[in-house]
Amino acid sequence: MPQLNPAPWFAILAFSWLVFLTIVVPKTLSHTFPNEPTPQSTQTPKTEPWTWPWA
């Protein structure tokens, strides 16, 4: 029964992971966003208490 022979399937699995790890992962990790976010201020804004007109 050739289905029980793991040699060709293991080679296909190992080769596909080798391709994935050497080509796809570096391309994904080198992706940069076209619009870099601007750094926000670390100071918290001063808030005023709300005065309810019916209270």
C-alpha atoms as a PDB file:
ATOM      1  CA  MET A   1       0.000   0.000   0.000  1.00  0.00           C
ATOM      2  CA  PRO A   2       1.853   3.148  -1.111  1.00  0.00           C
ATOM      3  CA  GLN A   3      -0.202   5.440   1.135  1.00  0.00           C
ATOM      4  CA  LEU A   4       1.588   4.076   4.192  1.00  0.00           C
ATOM      5  CA  ASN A   5       5.053   4.989   2.915  1.00  0.00           C
ATOM      6  CA  PRO A   6       5.886   8.268   4.735  1.00  0.00           C
ATOM      7  CA  ALA A   7       9.050   9.045   2.763  1.00  0.00           C
ATOM      8  CA  PRO A   8       7.598  11.103  -0.134  1.00  0.00           C
ATOM      9  CA  TRP A   9       4.991  12.847   2.037  1.00  0.00           C
ATOM     10  CA  PHE A  10       7.543  13.837   4.642  1.00  0.00           C
ATOM     11  CA  ALA A  11       9.834  15.213   1.934  1.00  0.00           C
ATOM     12  CA  ILE A  12       6.950  17.244   0.475  1.00  0.00           C
ATOM     13  CA  LEU A  13       6.066  18.546   3.947  1.00  0.00           C
ATOM     14  CA  ALA A  14       9.667  19.451   4.752  1.00  0.00           C
ATOM     15  CA  PHE A  15      10.183  21.157   1.383  1.00  0.00           C
ATOM     16  CA  SER A  16       6.960  23.149   1.662  1.00  0.00           C
ATOM     17  CA  TRP A  17       7.933  24.386   5.142  1.00  0.00           C
ATOM     18  CA  LEU A  18      11.402  25.248   3.876  1.00  0.00           C
ATOM     19  CA  VAL A  19       9.882  27.341   1.088  1.00  0.00           C
ATOM     20  CA  PHE A  20       7.439  28.936   3.500  1.00  0.00           C
ATOM     21  CA  LEU A  21      10.108  29.859   6.041  1.00  0.00           C
ATOM     22  CA  THR A  22      12.643  31.156   3.527  1.00  0.00           C
ATOM     23  CA  ILE A  23      10.383  33.080   1.130  1.00  0.00           C
ATOM     24  CA  VAL A  24       6.999  33.918   2.611  1.00  0.00           C
ATOM     25  CA  VAL A  25       7.984  34.873   6.172  1.00  0.00           C
ATOM     26  CA  PRO A  26      10.717  37.417   5.264  1.00  0.00           C
ATOM     27  CA  LYS A  27       8.398  39.026   2.696  1.00  0.00           C
ATOM     28  CA  THR A  28       5.696  39.344   5.325  1.00  0.00           C
ATOM     29  CA  LEU A  29       8.025  40.699   7.994  1.00  0.00           C
ATOM     30  CA  SER A  30       9.560  43.289   5.674  1.00  0.00           C
ATOM     31  CA  HIS A  31       6.149  44.826   4.917  1.00  0.00           C
ATOM     32  CA  THR A  32       5.901  48.482   5.862  1.00  0.00           C
ATOM     33  CA  PHE A  33       2.825  50.616   6.026  1.00  0.00           C
ATOM     34  CA  PRO A  34       2.756  53.543   3.588  1.00  0.00           C
ATOM     35  CA  ASN A  35       1.484  55.976   6.218  1.00  0.00           C
ATOM     36  CA  GLU A  36       3.448  55.863   9.431  1.00  0.00           C
ATOM     37  CA  PRO A  37       1.371  56.941  12.437  1.00  0.00           C
ATOM     38  CA  THR A  38       2.320  60.229  14.029  1.00  0.00           C
ATOM     39  CA  PRO A  39       3.366  59.998  17.660  1.00  0.00           C
ATOM     40  CA  GLN A  40       0.715  61.236  20.028  1.00  0.00           C
ATOM     41  CA  SER A  41       1.333  63.423  23.033  1.00  0.00           C
ATOM     42  CA  THR A  42       1.827  61.578  26.313  1.00  0.00           C
ATOM     43  CA  GLN A  43       0.122  64.339  28.311  1.00  0.00           C
ATOM     44  CA  THR A  44      -3.466  63.729  29.265  1.00  0.00           C
ATOM     45  CA  PRO A  45      -5.854  66.477  28.175  1.00  0.00           C
ATOM     46  CA  LYS A  46      -7.360  68.672  30.884  1.00  0.00           C
ATOM     47  CA  THR A  47     -11.041  67.874  31.186  1.00  0.00           C
ATOM     48  CA  GLU A  48     -13.725  70.121  32.582  1.00  0.00           C
ATOM     49  CA  PRO A  49     -16.683  68.763  34.571  1.00  0.00           C
ATOM     50  CA  TRP A  50     -19.960  68.833  32.741  1.00  0.00           C
ATOM     51  CA  THR A  51     -22.636  71.073  34.179  1.00  0.00           C
ATOM     52  CA  TRP A  52     -26.050  69.636  33.582  1.00  0.00           C
ATOM     53  CA  PRO A  53     -28.645  72.339  32.874  1.00  0.00           C
ATOM     54  CA  TRP A  54     -31.434  70.479  34.698  1.00  0.00           C
ATOM     55  CA  ALA A  55     -29.508  69.662  37.883  1.00  0.00           C
END
